[in-house]
Amino acid sequence: MTVYLYLVLLMFLCGFVMFSLMRKHLLLVLLSMEFMVLALYMNTFLYLSFLGNDYFFSMIFLTFSVCEGALGLSMLVSMIRSHGNDYFQGFNLLW
């Protein structure tokens, strides 16, 4: 059981490092956030399986993470249509 928890922690830390280093493109930021959500989902699933067989909360978490991914993808498409790329440097909020 502890091996899985270490694996989940390593997954989350890799996603966080990728999130902090690859902040130039919106697509890479969204992919790293989805990887961190996947690690959190795996951690929640392992914790709930350790407690018992109640997986209802994991399905709610999975539903919210899918909605978050769809929202991020729609923001990416909107940004690419309005600015032509997904660079944060070309996206000026003061204009």
N, C-alpha and C. Protein backbone atom coordinates (compact mmCIF):
# COMPACT_ATOMS: atom_id res chain seq x y z
N MET A 1 0.82 -1.19 0.00
CA MET A 1 0.00 0.00 0.00
C MET A 1 0.86 1.25 0.00
N THR A 2 1.96 1.24 0.72
CA THR A 2 2.82 2.42 0.78
C THR A 2 3.54 2.67 -0.54
N VAL A 3 3.76 1.60 -1.30
CA VAL A 3 4.40 1.77 -2.61
C VAL A 3 3.49 2.58 -3.53
N TYR A 4 2.19 2.31 -3.47
CA TYR A 4 1.24 3.06 -4.30
C TYR A 4 1.16 4.52 -3.87
N LEU A 5 1.23 4.76 -2.57
CA LEU A 5 1.19 6.14 -2.09
C LEU A 5 2.44 6.90 -2.51
N TYR A 6 3.59 6.24 -2.49
CA TYR A 6 4.81 6.88 -2.98
C TYR A 6 4.73 7.15 -4.48
N LEU A 7 4.11 6.24 -5.21
CA LEU A 7 3.94 6.43 -6.64
C LEU A 7 3.03 7.62 -6.93
N VAL A 8 1.95 7.74 -6.17
CA VAL A 8 1.03 8.87 -6.34
C VAL A 8 1.73 10.18 -5.98
N LEU A 9 2.50 10.18 -4.92
CA LEU A 9 3.24 11.38 -4.54
C LEU A 9 4.26 11.76 -5.60
N LEU A 10 4.94 10.79 -6.17
CA LEU A 10 5.89 11.05 -7.25
C LEU A 10 5.18 11.60 -8.49
N MET A 11 4.00 11.05 -8.80
CA MET A 11 3.23 11.55 -9.93
C MET A 11 2.82 13.01 -9.71
N PHE A 12 2.35 13.31 -8.50
CA PHE A 12 1.92 14.67 -8.21
C PHE A 12 3.09 15.64 -8.26
N LEU A 13 4.24 15.25 -7.72
CA LEU A 13 5.41 16.12 -7.75
C LEU A 13 5.93 16.33 -9.17
N CYS A 14 5.89 15.29 -10.00
CA CYS A 14 6.29 15.45 -11.40
C CYS A 14 5.36 16.40 -12.13
N GLY A 15 4.07 16.29 -11.87
CA GLY A 15 3.11 17.20 -12.47
C GLY A 15 3.31 18.63 -11.99
N PHE A 16 3.64 18.81 -10.72
CA PHE A 16 3.87 20.15 -10.18
C PHE A 16 5.13 20.77 -10.75
N VAL A 17 6.18 19.97 -10.91
CA VAL A 17 7.42 20.47 -11.51
C VAL A 17 7.18 20.85 -12.97
N MET A 18 6.44 20.03 -13.68
CA MET A 18 6.13 20.35 -15.07
C MET A 18 5.25 21.59 -15.15
N PHE A 19 4.34 21.77 -14.20
CA PHE A 19 3.48 22.95 -14.16
C PHE A 19 4.30 24.22 -13.92
N SER A 20 5.29 24.13 -13.06
CA SER A 20 6.08 25.33 -12.75
C SER A 20 7.15 25.62 -13.79
N LEU A 21 7.63 24.62 -14.50
CA LEU A 21 8.68 24.86 -15.50
C LEU A 21 8.13 25.19 -16.88
N MET A 22 7.05 24.57 -17.27
CA MET A 22 6.50 24.74 -18.61
C MET A 22 5.34 25.72 -18.61
N ARG A 23 5.57 26.93 -18.14
CA ARG A 23 4.48 27.89 -18.03
C ARG A 23 4.40 28.82 -19.24
N LYS A 24 5.10 28.48 -20.31
CA LYS A 24 5.10 29.32 -21.49
C LYS A 24 3.87 29.04 -22.37
N HIS A 25 3.47 27.79 -22.47
CA HIS A 25 2.34 27.39 -23.30
C HIS A 25 1.15 27.00 -22.42
N LEU A 26 -0.02 27.41 -22.84
CA LEU A 26 -1.23 27.07 -22.10
C LEU A 26 -1.53 25.59 -22.18
N LEU A 27 -1.26 24.96 -23.30
CA LEU A 27 -1.54 23.54 -23.46
C LEU A 27 -0.71 22.69 -22.50
N LEU A 28 0.57 23.02 -22.33
CA LEU A 28 1.42 22.28 -21.41
C LEU A 28 0.99 22.48 -19.97
N VAL A 29 0.53 23.68 -19.64
CA VAL A 29 0.03 23.95 -18.29
C VAL A 29 -1.22 23.13 -18.02
N LEU A 30 -2.13 23.07 -19.00
CA LEU A 30 -3.34 22.28 -18.84
C LEU A 30 -3.05 20.79 -18.72
N LEU A 31 -2.10 20.30 -19.49
CA LEU A 31 -1.74 18.89 -19.41
C LEU A 31 -1.12 18.54 -18.06
N SER A 32 -0.30 19.42 -17.53
CA SER A 32 0.30 19.15 -16.22
C SER A 32 -0.74 19.22 -15.11
N MET A 33 -1.71 20.13 -15.24
CA MET A 33 -2.78 20.18 -14.24
C MET A 33 -3.65 18.93 -14.31
N GLU A 34 -3.90 18.41 -15.49
CA GLU A 34 -4.68 17.17 -15.62
C GLU A 34 -3.89 15.99 -15.05
N PHE A 35 -2.59 16.01 -15.18
CA PHE A 35 -1.77 14.94 -14.60
C PHE A 35 -1.82 14.99 -13.08
N MET A 36 -1.81 16.21 -12.51
CA MET A 36 -1.93 16.33 -11.06
C MET A 36 -3.32 15.90 -10.58
N VAL A 37 -4.36 16.20 -11.36
CA VAL A 37 -5.71 15.76 -11.00
C VAL A 37 -5.80 14.24 -11.07
N LEU A 38 -5.13 13.64 -12.04
CA LEU A 38 -5.11 12.18 -12.13
C LEU A 38 -4.42 11.57 -10.91
N ALA A 39 -3.34 12.18 -10.46
CA ALA A 39 -2.66 11.69 -9.25
C ALA A 39 -3.55 11.84 -8.03
N LEU A 40 -4.26 12.95 -7.92
CA LEU A 40 -5.18 13.13 -6.80
C LEU A 40 -6.33 12.14 -6.85
N TYR A 41 -6.82 11.84 -8.05
CA TYR A 41 -7.88 10.85 -8.19
C TYR A 41 -7.38 9.47 -7.77
N MET A 42 -6.19 9.13 -8.17
CA MET A 42 -5.63 7.83 -7.79
C MET A 42 -5.44 7.74 -6.28
N ASN A 43 -4.99 8.85 -5.67
CA ASN A 43 -4.82 8.88 -4.22
C ASN A 43 -6.17 8.74 -3.51
N THR A 44 -7.19 9.43 -4.00
CA THR A 44 -8.52 9.32 -3.42
C THR A 44 -9.08 7.91 -3.57
N PHE A 45 -8.88 7.31 -4.72
CA PHE A 45 -9.36 5.95 -4.95
C PHE A 45 -8.67 4.96 -4.03
N LEU A 46 -7.34 5.10 -3.85
CA LEU A 46 -6.62 4.21 -2.94
C LEU A 46 -7.07 4.40 -1.50
N TYR A 47 -7.30 5.65 -1.10
CA TYR A 47 -7.74 5.92 0.26
C TYR A 47 -9.13 5.35 0.51
N LEU A 48 -10.04 5.53 -0.45
CA LEU A 48 -11.38 5.00 -0.28
C LEU A 48 -11.41 3.48 -0.33
N SER A 49 -10.55 2.88 -1.11
CA SER A 49 -10.50 1.41 -1.13
C SER A 49 -9.89 0.87 0.15
N PHE A 50 -9.05 1.64 0.80
CA PHE A 50 -8.49 1.23 2.09
C PHE A 50 -9.55 1.30 3.18
N LEU A 51 -10.45 2.30 3.11
CA LEU A 51 -11.49 2.45 4.12
C LEU A 51 -12.65 1.49 3.93
N GLY A 52 -13.03 1.26 2.72
CA GLY A 52 -14.17 0.38 2.47
C GLY A 52 -14.47 0.37 1.00
N ASN A 53 -15.70 0.06 0.67
CA ASN A 53 -16.08 -0.06 -0.73
C ASN A 53 -16.99 1.07 -1.20
N ASP A 54 -16.91 2.24 -0.61
CA ASP A 54 -17.75 3.37 -0.99
C ASP A 54 -16.98 4.24 -1.98
N TYR A 55 -17.30 4.10 -3.27
CA TYR A 55 -16.59 4.82 -4.33
C TYR A 55 -17.42 5.95 -4.92
N PHE A 56 -18.47 6.38 -4.24
CA PHE A 56 -19.34 7.41 -4.77
C PHE A 56 -18.60 8.75 -4.86
N PHE A 57 -17.80 9.08 -3.86
CA PHE A 57 -17.06 10.34 -3.88
C PHE A 57 -16.03 10.36 -5.01
N SER A 58 -15.45 9.24 -5.34
CA SER A 58 -14.49 9.21 -6.44
C SER A 58 -15.17 9.47 -7.78
N MET A 59 -16.40 9.04 -7.93
CA MET A 59 -17.13 9.33 -9.16
C MET A 59 -17.49 10.81 -9.26
N ILE A 60 -17.82 11.44 -8.13
CA ILE A 60 -18.08 12.88 -8.13
C ILE A 60 -16.80 13.64 -8.48
N PHE A 61 -15.68 13.23 -7.90
CA PHE A 61 -14.39 13.87 -8.20
C PHE A 61 -14.03 13.70 -9.66
N LEU A 62 -14.27 12.53 -10.21
CA LEU A 62 -13.99 12.29 -11.63
C LEU A 62 -14.87 13.15 -12.52
N THR A 63 -16.12 13.34 -12.14
CA THR A 63 -17.03 14.20 -12.91
C THR A 63 -16.56 15.64 -12.90
N PHE A 64 -16.16 16.14 -11.73
CA PHE A 64 -15.67 17.51 -11.66
C PHE A 64 -14.35 17.70 -12.40
N SER A 65 -13.50 16.70 -12.40
CA SER A 65 -12.23 16.82 -13.12
C SER A 65 -12.46 16.81 -14.64
N VAL A 66 -13.45 16.07 -15.11
CA VAL A 66 -13.78 16.09 -16.53
C VAL A 66 -14.33 17.45 -16.93
N CYS A 67 -15.18 18.02 -16.06
CA CYS A 67 -15.72 19.37 -16.34
C CYS A 67 -14.60 20.41 -16.35
N GLU A 68 -13.65 20.27 -15.45
CA GLU A 68 -12.50 21.19 -15.41
C GLU A 68 -11.65 21.06 -16.67
N GLY A 69 -11.47 19.84 -17.14
CA GLY A 69 -10.71 19.63 -18.38
C GLY A 69 -11.41 20.21 -19.59
N ALA A 70 -12.73 20.07 -19.65
CA ALA A 70 -13.48 20.63 -20.78
C ALA A 70 -13.45 22.15 -20.75
N LEU A 71 -13.51 22.74 -19.57
CA LEU A 71 -13.42 24.19 -19.45
C LEU A 71 -12.05 24.70 -19.88
N GLY A 72 -10.98 24.01 -19.47
CA GLY A 72 -9.64 24.40 -19.88
C GLY A 72 -9.43 24.26 -21.38
N LEU A 73 -9.98 23.21 -21.96
CA LEU A 73 -9.86 23.02 -23.41
C LEU A 73 -10.63 24.09 -24.17
N SER A 74 -11.79 24.49 -23.67
CA SER A 74 -12.54 25.55 -24.34
C SER A 74 -11.83 26.89 -24.22
N MET A 75 -11.16 27.14 -23.10
CA MET A 75 -10.35 28.35 -22.97
C MET A 75 -9.17 28.33 -23.93
N LEU A 76 -8.56 27.17 -24.12
CA LEU A 76 -7.46 27.04 -25.06
C LEU A 76 -7.92 27.31 -26.49
N VAL A 77 -9.04 26.75 -26.88
CA VAL A 77 -9.56 26.97 -28.22
C VAL A 77 -9.92 28.43 -28.43
N SER A 78 -10.52 29.06 -27.43
CA SER A 78 -10.87 30.47 -27.53
C SER A 78 -9.63 31.35 -27.65
N MET A 79 -8.60 31.01 -26.90
CA MET A 79 -7.35 31.79 -26.96
C MET A 79 -6.66 31.62 -28.31
N ILE A 80 -6.67 30.41 -28.85
CA ILE A 80 -6.03 30.18 -30.15
C ILE A 80 -6.82 30.88 -31.26
N ARG A 81 -8.14 30.90 -31.17
CA ARG A 81 -8.94 31.59 -32.19
C ARG A 81 -8.75 33.10 -32.14
N SER A 82 -8.60 33.65 -30.94
CA SER A 82 -8.49 35.11 -30.84
C SER A 82 -7.06 35.60 -31.05
N HIS A 83 -6.06 34.84 -30.63
CA HIS A 83 -4.68 35.32 -30.70
C HIS A 83 -3.79 34.55 -31.68
N GLY A 84 -4.19 33.37 -32.09
CA GLY A 84 -3.43 32.63 -33.08
C GLY A 84 -2.45 31.63 -32.51
N ASN A 85 -2.14 31.69 -31.24
CA ASN A 85 -1.23 30.73 -30.60
C ASN A 85 -1.59 30.61 -29.13
N ASP A 86 -0.86 29.75 -28.43
CA ASP A 86 -1.16 29.55 -27.01
C ASP A 86 -0.03 30.06 -26.11
N TYR A 87 0.74 31.01 -26.60
CA TYR A 87 1.80 31.60 -25.78
C TYR A 87 1.20 32.58 -24.78
N PHE A 88 1.72 32.54 -23.56
CA PHE A 88 1.29 33.54 -22.58
C PHE A 88 1.95 34.89 -22.80
N GLN A 89 3.07 34.92 -23.55
CA GLN A 89 3.76 36.17 -23.78
C GLN A 89 2.97 37.08 -24.72
N GLY A 90 2.28 36.51 -25.68
CA GLY A 90 1.52 37.31 -26.63
C GLY A 90 0.14 37.70 -26.13
N PHE A 91 -0.23 37.19 -24.98
CA PHE A 91 -1.55 37.44 -24.43
C PHE A 91 -1.42 38.53 -23.37
N ASN A 92 -1.71 39.75 -23.76
CA ASN A 92 -1.59 40.88 -22.84
C ASN A 92 -2.95 41.20 -22.24
N LEU A 93 -3.06 41.17 -20.93
CA LEU A 93 -4.34 41.40 -20.27
C LEU A 93 -4.69 42.89 -20.18
N LEU A 94 -3.74 43.76 -20.43
CA LEU A 94 -4.00 45.19 -20.27
C LEU A 94 -4.55 45.83 -21.54
N TRP A 95 -4.66 45.11 -22.63
CA TRP A 95 -5.17 45.68 -23.87
C TRP A 95 -6.65 45.77 -23.86
